PDB file of N, CA and C in Angstrom:
ATOM      1  N   UNK A   1      81.038 107.237  97.135  1.00  0.00           N
ATOM      2  CA  UNK A   1      79.963 106.429  97.658  1.00  0.00           C
ATOM      3  C   UNK A   1      80.422 105.863  98.999  1.00  0.00           C
ATOM      4  N   UNK A   2      79.599 105.961  99.983  1.00  0.00           N
ATOM      5  CA  UNK A   2      79.958 105.508 101.325  1.00  0.00           C
ATOM      6  C   UNK A   2      79.583 104.037 101.524  1.00  0.00           C
ATOM      7  N   UNK A   3      80.096 103.466 102.616  1.00  0.00           N
ATOM      8  CA  UNK A   3      79.791 102.080 102.946  1.00  0.00           C
ATOM      9  C   UNK A   3      78.297 101.910 103.205  1.00  0.00           C
ATOM     10  N   UNK A   4      77.684 102.887 103.853  1.00  0.00           N
ATOM     11  CA  UNK A   4      76.245 102.774 104.117  1.00  0.00           C
ATOM     12  C   UNK A   4      75.445 102.792 102.817  1.00  0.00           C
ATOM     13  N   UNK A   5      75.881 103.583 101.836  1.00  0.00           N
ATOM     14  CA  UNK A   5      75.209 103.583 100.533  1.00  0.00           C
ATOM     15  C   UNK A   5      75.324 102.212  99.865  1.00  0.00           C
ATOM     16  N   UNK A   6      76.505 101.611  99.944  1.00  0.00           N
ATOM     17  CA  UNK A   6      76.697 100.292  99.352  1.00  0.00           C
ATOM     18  C   UNK A   6      75.862  99.234 100.055  1.00  0.00           C
ATOM     19  N   UNK A   7      75.711  99.360 101.383  1.00  0.00           N
ATOM     20  CA  UNK A   7      74.877  98.421 102.124  1.00  0.00           C
ATOM     21  C   UNK A   7      73.408  98.564 101.731  1.00  0.00           C
ATOM     22  N   UNK A   8      72.950  99.805 101.559  1.00  0.00           N
ATOM     23  CA  UNK A   8      71.554 100.034 101.164  1.00  0.00           C
ATOM     24  C   UNK A   8      71.253  99.429  99.802  1.00  0.00           C
ATOM     25  N   UNK A   9      72.249  99.443  98.913  1.00  0.00           N
ATOM     26  CA  UNK A   9      72.068  98.882  97.578  1.00  0.00           C
ATOM     27  C   UNK A   9      72.239  97.371  97.547  1.00  0.00           C
ATOM     28  N   UNK A  10      72.655  96.801  98.663  1.00  0.00           N
ATOM     29  CA  UNK A  10      72.843  95.352  98.733  1.00  0.00           C
ATOM     30  C   UNK A  10      74.099  94.864  98.047  1.00  0.00           C
ATOM     31  N   UNK A  11      75.113  95.711  97.941  1.00  0.00           N
ATOM     32  CA  UNK A  11      76.336  95.342  97.251  1.00  0.00           C
ATOM     33  C   UNK A  11      77.422  94.807  98.178  1.00  0.00           C
ATOM     34  N   UNK A  12      77.187  94.862  99.481  1.00  0.00           N
ATOM     35  CA  UNK A  12      78.169  94.379 100.449  1.00  0.00           C
ATOM     36  C   UNK A  12      77.648  93.141 101.161  1.00  0.00           C
ATOM     37  N   UNK A  13      78.615  92.319 101.582  1.00  0.00           N
ATOM     38  CA  UNK A  13      78.252  91.185 102.429  1.00  0.00           C
ATOM     39  C   UNK A  13      77.865  91.708 103.802  1.00  0.00           C
ATOM     40  N   UNK A  14      77.162  90.915 104.597  1.00  0.00           N
ATOM     41  CA  UNK A  14      76.851  91.331 105.966  1.00  0.00           C
ATOM     42  C   UNK A  14      78.139  91.549 106.758  1.00  0.00           C
ATOM     43  N   UNK A  15      78.094  92.458 107.736  1.00  0.00           N
ATOM     44  CA  UNK A  15      79.290  92.794 108.505  1.00  0.00           C
ATOM     45  C   UNK A  15      79.878  91.585 109.212  1.00  0.00           C
ATOM     46  N   UNK A  16      79.069  90.608 109.552  1.00  0.00           N
ATOM     47  CA  UNK A  16      79.572  89.410 110.220  1.00  0.00           C
ATOM     48  C   UNK A  16      80.505  88.597 109.316  1.00  0.00           C
ATOM     49  N   UNK A  17      80.400  88.787 108.005  1.00  0.00           N
ATOM     50  CA  UNK A  17      81.232  88.049 107.050  1.00  0.00           C
ATOM     51  C   UNK A  17      82.443  88.840 106.580  1.00  0.00           C
ATOM     52  N   UNK A  18      82.630  90.056 107.084  1.00  0.00           N
ATOM     53  CA  UNK A  18      83.774  90.862 106.663  1.00  0.00           C
ATOM     54  C   UNK A  18      85.051  90.262 107.205  1.00  0.00           C
ATOM     55  N   UNK A  19      86.118  90.389 106.434  1.00  0.00           N
ATOM     56  CA  UNK A  19      87.413  89.880 106.857  1.00  0.00           C
ATOM     57  C   UNK A  19      88.035  90.753 107.924  1.00  0.00           C
ATOM     58  N   UNK A  20      89.105  90.254 108.517  1.00  0.00           N
ATOM     59  CA  UNK A  20      89.782  90.971 109.603  1.00  0.00           C
ATOM     60  C   UNK A  20      90.619  92.135 109.091  1.00  0.00           C
ATOM     61  N   UNK A  21      90.935  92.155 107.788  1.00  0.00           N
ATOM     62  CA  UNK A  21      91.779  93.215 107.241  1.00  0.00           C
ATOM     63  C   UNK A  21      91.099  94.569 107.253  1.00  0.00           C
ATOM     64  N   UNK A  22      89.827  94.602 107.108  1.00  0.00           N
ATOM     65  CA  UNK A  22      89.125  95.883 107.066  1.00  0.00           C
ATOM     66  C   UNK A  22      88.985  96.402 105.646  1.00  0.00           C
ATOM     67  N   UNK A  23      88.295  97.517 105.551  1.00  0.00           N
ATOM     68  CA  UNK A  23      88.017  98.107 104.243  1.00  0.00           C
ATOM     69  C   UNK A  23      89.192  98.967 103.812  1.00  0.00           C
ATOM     70  N   UNK A  24      89.542  98.889 102.544  1.00  0.00           N
ATOM     71  CA  UNK A  24      90.524  99.793 101.974  1.00  0.00           C
ATOM     72  C   UNK A  24      91.972  99.369 102.118  1.00  0.00           C
ATOM     73  N   UNK A  25      92.239  98.186 102.620  1.00  0.00           N
ATOM     74  CA  UNK A  25      93.626  97.741 102.741  1.00  0.00           C
ATOM     75  C   UNK A  25      94.008  96.942 101.514  1.00  0.00           C
ATOM     76  N   UNK A  26      95.256  97.106 101.104  1.00  0.00           N
ATOM     77  CA  UNK A  26      95.754  96.398  99.933  1.00  0.00           C
ATOM     78  C   UNK A  26      95.992  94.934 100.275  1.00  0.00           C
ATOM     79  N   UNK A  27      95.593  94.055  99.389  1.00  0.00           N
ATOM     80  CA  UNK A  27      95.789  92.631  99.617  1.00  0.00           C
ATOM     81  C   UNK A  27      97.252  92.242  99.438  1.00  0.00           C
ATOM     82  N   UNK A  28      97.942  92.900  98.556  1.00  0.00           N
ATOM     83  CA  UNK A  28      99.330  92.575  98.258  1.00  0.00           C
ATOM     84  C   UNK A  28     100.181  93.851  98.239  1.00  0.00           C
ATOM     85  N   UNK A  29     100.478  94.440  99.397  1.00  0.00           N
ATOM     86  CA  UNK A  29     101.161  95.735  99.399  1.00  0.00           C
ATOM     87  C   UNK A  29     102.587  95.686  98.846  1.00  0.00           C
ATOM     88  N   UNK A  30     103.323  94.606  99.102  1.00  0.00           N
ATOM     89  CA  UNK A  30     104.707  94.535  98.617  1.00  0.00           C
ATOM     90  C   UNK A  30     104.722  94.358  97.102  1.00  0.00           C
ATOM     91  N   UNK A  31     103.895  93.459  96.606  1.00  0.00           N
ATOM     92  CA  UNK A  31     103.818  93.251  95.162  1.00  0.00           C
ATOM     93  C   UNK A  31     103.343  94.512  94.441  1.00  0.00           C
ATOM     94  N   UNK A  32     102.332  95.145  95.002  1.00  0.00           N
ATOM     95  CA  UNK A  32     101.794  96.354  94.392  1.00  0.00           C
ATOM     96  C   UNK A  32     102.846  97.461  94.376  1.00  0.00           C
ATOM     97  N   UNK A  33     103.577  97.615  95.463  1.00  0.00           N
ATOM     98  CA  UNK A  33     104.637  98.624  95.527  1.00  0.00           C
ATOM     99  C   UNK A  33     105.761  98.336  94.548  1.00  0.00           C
ATOM    100  N   UNK A  34     106.153  97.068  94.420  1.00  0.00           N
ATOM    101  CA  UNK A  34     107.216  96.695  93.482  1.00  0.00           C
ATOM    102  C   UNK A  34     106.780  96.961  92.041  1.00  0.00           C
ATOM    103  N   UNK A  35     105.540  96.632  91.733  1.00  0.00           N
ATOM    104  CA  UNK A  35     105.049  96.881  90.377  1.00  0.00           C
ATOM    105  C   UNK A  35     104.959  98.376  90.086  1.00  0.00           C
ATOM    106  N   UNK A  36     104.579  99.162  91.091  1.00  0.00           N
ATOM    107  CA  UNK A  36     104.541 100.609  90.909  1.00  0.00           C
ATOM    108  C   UNK A  36     105.939 101.147  90.655  1.00  0.00           C
ATOM    109  N   UNK A  37     106.930 100.622  91.367  1.00  0.00           N
ATOM    110  CA  UNK A  37     108.314 101.059  91.171  1.00  0.00           C
ATOM    111  C   UNK A  37     108.805 100.716  89.765  1.00  0.00           C
ATOM    112  N   UNK A  38     108.496  99.506  89.291  1.00  0.00           N
ATOM    113  CA  UNK A  38     108.877  99.114  87.931  1.00  0.00           C
ATOM    114  C   UNK A  38     108.192 100.011  86.904  1.00  0.00           C
ATOM    115  N   UNK A  39     106.920 100.329  87.143  1.00  0.00           N
ATOM    116  CA  UNK A  39     106.193 101.210  86.225  1.00  0.00           C
ATOM    117  C   UNK A  39     106.784 102.610  86.172  1.00  0.00           C
ATOM    118  N   UNK A  40     107.135 103.152  87.334  1.00  0.00           N
ATOM    119  CA  UNK A  40     107.727 104.495  87.377  1.00  0.00           C
ATOM    120  C   UNK A  40     109.098 104.479  86.707  1.00  0.00           C
ATOM    121  N   UNK A  41     109.891 103.446  86.963  1.00  0.00           N
ATOM    122  CA  UNK A  41     111.203 103.343  86.303  1.00  0.00           C
ATOM    123  C   UNK A  41     111.041 103.233  84.786  1.00  0.00           C
ATOM    124  N   UNK A  42     110.004 102.526  84.354  1.00  0.00           N
ATOM    125  CA  UNK A  42     109.730 102.434  82.920  1.00  0.00           C
ATOM    126  C   UNK A  42     109.385 103.786  82.324  1.00  0.00           C
ATOM    127  N   UNK A  43     108.612 104.587  83.060  1.00  0.00           N
ATOM    128  CA  UNK A  43     108.272 105.934  82.583  1.00  0.00           C
ATOM    129  C   UNK A  43     109.509 106.824  82.506  1.00  0.00           C
ATOM    130  N   UNK A  44     110.373 106.711  83.497  1.00  0.00           N
ATOM    131  CA  UNK A  44     111.620 107.495  83.486  1.00  0.00           C
ATOM    132  C   UNK A  44     112.493 107.072  82.311  1.00  0.00           C
ATOM    133  N   UNK A  45     112.594 105.769  82.066  1.00  0.00           N
ATOM    134  CA  UNK A  45     113.389 105.277  80.938  1.00  0.00           C
ATOM    135  C   UNK A  45     112.820 105.766  79.607  1.00  0.00           C
ATOM    136  N   UNK A  46     111.485 105.791  79.497  1.00  0.00           N
ATOM    137  CA  UNK A  46     110.871 106.294  78.259  1.00  0.00           C
ATOM    138  C   UNK A  46     111.162 107.779  78.074  1.00  0.00           C
ATOM    139  N   UNK A  47     111.077 108.541  79.155  1.00  0.00           N
ATOM    140  CA  UNK A  47     111.285 109.992  79.057  1.00  0.00           C
ATOM    141  C   UNK A  47     112.733 110.341  78.749  1.00  0.00           C
ATOM    142  N   UNK A  48     113.655 109.616  79.355  1.00  0.00           N
ATOM    143  CA  UNK A  48     115.068 109.935  79.172  1.00  0.00           C
ATOM    144  C   UNK A  48     115.707 109.164  78.019  1.00  0.00           C
ATOM    145  N   UNK A  49     115.000 108.206  77.463  1.00  0.00           N
ATOM    146  CA  UNK A  49     115.567 107.357  76.407  1.00  0.00           C
ATOM    147  C   UNK A  49     115.798 108.069  75.097  1.00  0.00           C
ATOM    148  N   UNK A  50     115.009 109.078  74.808  1.00  0.00           N
ATOM    149  CA  UNK A  50     115.196 109.844  73.575  1.00  0.00           C
ATOM    150  C   UNK A  50     115.037 109.028  72.310  1.00  0.00           C
ATOM    151  N   UNK A  51     114.199 108.013  72.320  1.00  0.00           N
ATOM    152  CA  UNK A  51     113.959 107.213  71.128  1.00  0.00           C
ATOM    153  C   UNK A  51     114.932 106.066  70.951  1.00  0.00           C
ATOM    154  N   UNK A  52     115.846 105.910  71.873  1.00  0.00           N
ATOM    155  CA  UNK A  52     116.819 104.816  71.777  1.00  0.00           C
ATOM    156  C   UNK A  52     116.232 103.545  72.395  1.00  0.00           C
ATOM    157  N   UNK A  53     117.095 102.584  72.587  1.00  0.00           N
ATOM    158  CA  UNK A  53     116.678 101.303  73.152  1.00  0.00           C
ATOM    159  C   UNK A  53     116.036 101.474  74.524  1.00  0.00           C
ATOM    160  N   UNK A  54     116.503 102.440  75.321  1.00  0.00           N
ATOM    161  CA  UNK A  54     115.946 102.658  76.655  1.00  0.00           C
ATOM    162  C   UNK A  54     114.472 103.058  76.607  1.00  0.00           C
ATOM    163  N   UNK A  55     114.083 103.776  75.575  1.00  0.00           N
ATOM    164  CA  UNK A  55     112.679 104.149  75.419  1.00  0.00           C
ATOM    165  C   UNK A  55     111.815 102.899  75.284  1.00  0.00           C
ATOM    166  N   UNK A  56     112.251 101.987  74.446  1.00  0.00           N
ATOM    167  CA  UNK A  56     111.476 100.776  74.194  1.00  0.00           C
ATOM    168  C   UNK A  56     111.510  99.828  75.389  1.00  0.00           C
ATOM    169  N   UNK A  57     112.658  99.734  76.061  1.00  0.00           N
ATOM    170  CA  UNK A  57     112.728  98.922  77.270  1.00  0.00           C
ATOM    171  C   UNK A  57     111.821  99.502  78.365  1.00  0.00           C
ATOM    172  N   UNK A  58     111.784 100.830  78.455  1.00  0.00           N
ATOM    173  CA  UNK A  58     110.900 101.487  79.413  1.00  0.00           C
ATOM    174  C   UNK A  58     109.440 101.224  79.106  1.00  0.00           C
ATOM    175  N   UNK A  59     109.087 101.273  77.830  1.00  0.00           N
ATOM    176  CA  UNK A  59     107.709 100.997  77.419  1.00  0.00           C
ATOM    177  C   UNK A  59     107.315  99.566  77.755  1.00  0.00           C
ATOM    178  N   UNK A  60     108.191  98.634  77.443  1.00  0.00           N
ATOM    179  CA  UNK A  60     107.903  97.229  77.742  1.00  0.00           C
ATOM    180  C   UNK A  60     107.782  97.027  79.253  1.00  0.00           C
ATOM    181  N   UNK A  61     108.701  97.610  80.019  1.00  0.00           N
ATOM    182  CA  UNK A  61     108.647  97.487  81.475  1.00  0.00           C
ATOM    183  C   UNK A  61     107.368  98.068  82.039  1.00  0.00           C
ATOM    184  N   UNK A  62     106.966  99.230  81.539  1.00  0.00           N
ATOM    185  CA  UNK A  62     105.733  99.863  82.007  1.00  0.00           C
ATOM    186  C   UNK A  62     104.513  99.017  81.681  1.00  0.00           C
ATOM    187  N   UNK A  63     104.421  98.523  80.465  1.00  0.00           N
ATOM    188  CA  UNK A  63     103.257  97.735  80.059  1.00  0.00           C
ATOM    189  C   UNK A  63     103.168  96.418  80.830  1.00  0.00           C
ATOM    190  N   UNK A  64     104.305  95.752  81.026  1.00  0.00           N
ATOM    191  CA  UNK A  64     104.305  94.507  81.788  1.00  0.00           C
ATOM    192  C   UNK A  64     103.882  94.781  83.233  1.00  0.00           C
ATOM    193  N   UNK A  65     104.426  95.836  83.835  1.00  0.00           N
ATOM    194  CA  UNK A  65     104.049  96.183  85.209  1.00  0.00           C
ATOM    195  C   UNK A  65     102.565  96.517  85.300  1.00  0.00           C
ATOM    196  N   UNK A  66     102.043  97.240  84.324  1.00  0.00           N
ATOM    197  CA  UNK A  66     100.621  97.588  84.322  1.00  0.00           C
ATOM    198  C   UNK A  66      99.748  96.351  84.218  1.00  0.00           C
ATOM    199  N   UNK A  67     100.084  95.441  83.325  1.00  0.00           N
ATOM    200  CA  UNK A  67      99.287  94.228  83.152  1.00  0.00           C
ATOM    201  C   UNK A  67      99.317  93.358  84.409  1.00  0.00           C
ATOM    202  N   UNK A  68     100.487  93.189  85.005  1.00  0.00           N
ATOM    203  CA  UNK A  68     100.590  92.379  86.224  1.00  0.00           C
ATOM    204  C   UNK A  68      99.859  93.059  87.377  1.00  0.00           C
ATOM    205  N   UNK A  69      99.977  94.387  87.478  1.00  0.00           N
ATOM    206  CA  UNK A  69      99.292  95.139  88.522  1.00  0.00           C
ATOM    207  C   UNK A  69      97.780  94.929  88.432  1.00  0.00           C
ATOM    208  N   UNK A  70      97.233  95.046  87.250  1.00  0.00           N
ATOM    209  CA  UNK A  70      95.792  94.865  87.063  1.00  0.00           C
ATOM    210  C   UNK A  70      95.397  93.421  87.372  1.00  0.00           C
ATOM    211  N   UNK A  71      96.176  92.459  86.896  1.00  0.00           N
ATOM    212  CA  UNK A  71      95.874  91.052  87.115  1.00  0.00           C
ATOM    213  C   UNK A  71      95.889  90.707  88.602  1.00  0.00           C
ATOM    214  N   UNK A  72      96.926  91.165  89.329  1.00  0.00           N
ATOM    215  CA  UNK A  72      97.044  90.872  90.762  1.00  0.00           C
ATOM    216  C   UNK A  72      95.870  91.469  91.531  1.00  0.00           C
ATOM    217  N   UNK A  73      95.504  92.702  91.229  1.00  0.00           N
ATOM    218  CA  UNK A  73      94.436  93.358  91.982  1.00  0.00           C
ATOM    219  C   UNK A  73      93.055  92.816  91.629  1.00  0.00           C
ATOM    220  N   UNK A  74      92.837  92.420  90.395  1.00  0.00           N
ATOM    221  CA  UNK A  74      91.568  91.787  90.034  1.00  0.00           C
ATOM    222  C   UNK A  74      91.434  90.455  90.757  1.00  0.00           C
ATOM    223  N   UNK A  75      92.503  89.683  90.803  1.00  0.00           N
ATOM    224  CA  UNK A  75      92.441  88.396  91.492  1.00  0.00           C
ATOM    225  C   UNK A  75      92.296  88.558  92.998  1.00  0.00           C
ATOM    226  N   UNK A  76      92.805  89.634  93.561  1.00  0.00           N
ATOM    227  CA  UNK A  76      92.602  89.888  94.987  1.00  0.00           C
ATOM    228  C   UNK A  76      91.131  90.118  95.279  1.00  0.00           C
ATOM    229  N   UNK A  77      90.438  90.807  94.385  1.00  0.00           N
ATOM    230  CA  UNK A  77      88.998  91.039  94.561  1.00  0.00           C
ATOM    231  C   UNK A  77      88.226  89.750  94.344  1.00  0.00           C
ATOM    232  N   UNK A  78      88.592  88.982  93.336  1.00  0.00           N
ATOM    233  CA  UNK A  78      87.902  87.726  93.051  1.00  0.00           C
ATOM    234  C   UNK A  78      88.061  86.751  94.209  1.00  0.00           C
ATOM    235  N   UNK A  79      89.259  86.688  94.803  1.00  0.00           N
ATOM    236  CA  UNK A  79      89.500  85.779  95.925  1.00  0.00           C
ATOM    237  C   UNK A  79      88.664  86.149  97.140  1.00  0.00           C
ATOM    238  N   UNK A  80      88.335  87.423  97.305  1.00  0.00           N
ATOM    239  CA  UNK A  80      87.557  87.875  98.451  1.00  0.00           C
ATOM    240  C   UNK A  80      86.055  87.841  98.198  1.00  0.00           C
ATOM    241  N   UNK A  81      85.636  87.628  96.953  1.00  0.00           N
ATOM    242  CA  UNK A  81      84.226  87.652  96.593  1.00  0.00           C
ATOM    243  C   UNK A  81      83.662  86.239  96.665  1.00  0.00           C
ATOM    244  N   UNK A  82      82.539  86.052  97.347  1.00  0.00           N
ATOM    245  CA  UNK A  82      81.929  84.720  97.373  1.00  0.00           C
ATOM    246  C   UNK A  82      81.458  84.326  95.977  1.00  0.00           C
ATOM    247  N   UNK A  83      81.521  83.071  95.698  1.00  0.00           N
ATOM    248  CA  UNK A  83      81.169  82.575  94.382  1.00  0.00           C
ATOM    249  C   UNK A  83      79.685  82.750  94.100  1.00  0.00           C
ATOM    250  N   UNK A  84      79.376  83.225  92.914  1.00  0.00           N
ATOM    251  CA  UNK A  84      77.985  83.403  92.496  1.00  0.00           C
ATOM    252  C   UNK A  84      77.355  82.032  92.253  1.00  0.00           C
ATOM    253  N   UNK A  85      78.171  81.107  91.738  1.00  0.00           N
ATOM    254  CA  UNK A  85      77.652  79.777  91.438  1.00  0.00           C
ATOM    255  C   UNK A  85      77.287  79.018  92.710  1.00  0.00           C
ATOM    256  N   UNK A  86      78.029  79.236  93.776  1.00  0.00           N
ATOM    257  CA  UNK A  86      77.747  78.525  95.023  1.00  0.00           C
ATOM    258  C   UNK A  86      76.395  78.947  95.591  1.00  0.00           C
ATOM    259  N   UNK A  87      76.049  80.217  95.480  1.00  0.00           N
ATOM    260  CA  UNK A  87      74.765  80.671  96.008  1.00  0.00           C
ATOM    261  C   UNK A  87      73.611  80.213  95.121  1.00  0.00           C
ATOM    262  N   UNK A  88      73.841  80.080  93.823  1.00  0.00           N
ATOM    263  CA  UNK A  88      72.761  79.647  92.951  1.00  0.00           C
ATOM    264  C   UNK A  88      72.526  78.139  93.077  1.00  0.00           C
ATOM    265  N   UNK A  89      73.574  77.362  93.459  1.00  0.00           N
ATOM    266  CA  UNK A  89      73.411  75.925  93.626  1.00  0.00           C
ATOM    267  C   UNK A  89      72.633  75.596  94.886  1.00  0.00           C
ATOM    268  N   UNK A  90      72.687  76.492  95.894  1.00  0.00           N
ATOM    269  CA  UNK A  90      72.003  76.232  97.150  1.00  0.00           C
ATOM    270  C   UNK A  90      70.502  76.394  97.042  1.00  0.00           C
ATOM    271  N   UNK A  91      70.044  77.092  96.042  1.00  0.00           N
ATOM    272  CA  UNK A  91      68.601  77.372  95.890  1.00  0.00           C
ATOM    273  C   UNK A  91      67.826  76.206  95.427  1.00  0.00           C
TER     274      UNK A  91
END
């Protein structure tokens, strides 16, 4: 879906309200990269662990990295989204 399609559907803010970062840039590139590295290391530990303690440590590391990754990125979107309650209070 293109930006023009999203504008036609009314899902984007007006261009005058867009941030300076632009479209498609990560809000937290260092954190996101670190979490990806922890997740990949967890997958390697699970694969090479052979059912030992390393397998379980890898699983825990992967799951924690996944949960934090999702939480950080959801909050990045929420922080950039104008409040729905603020617009309804103005009416």
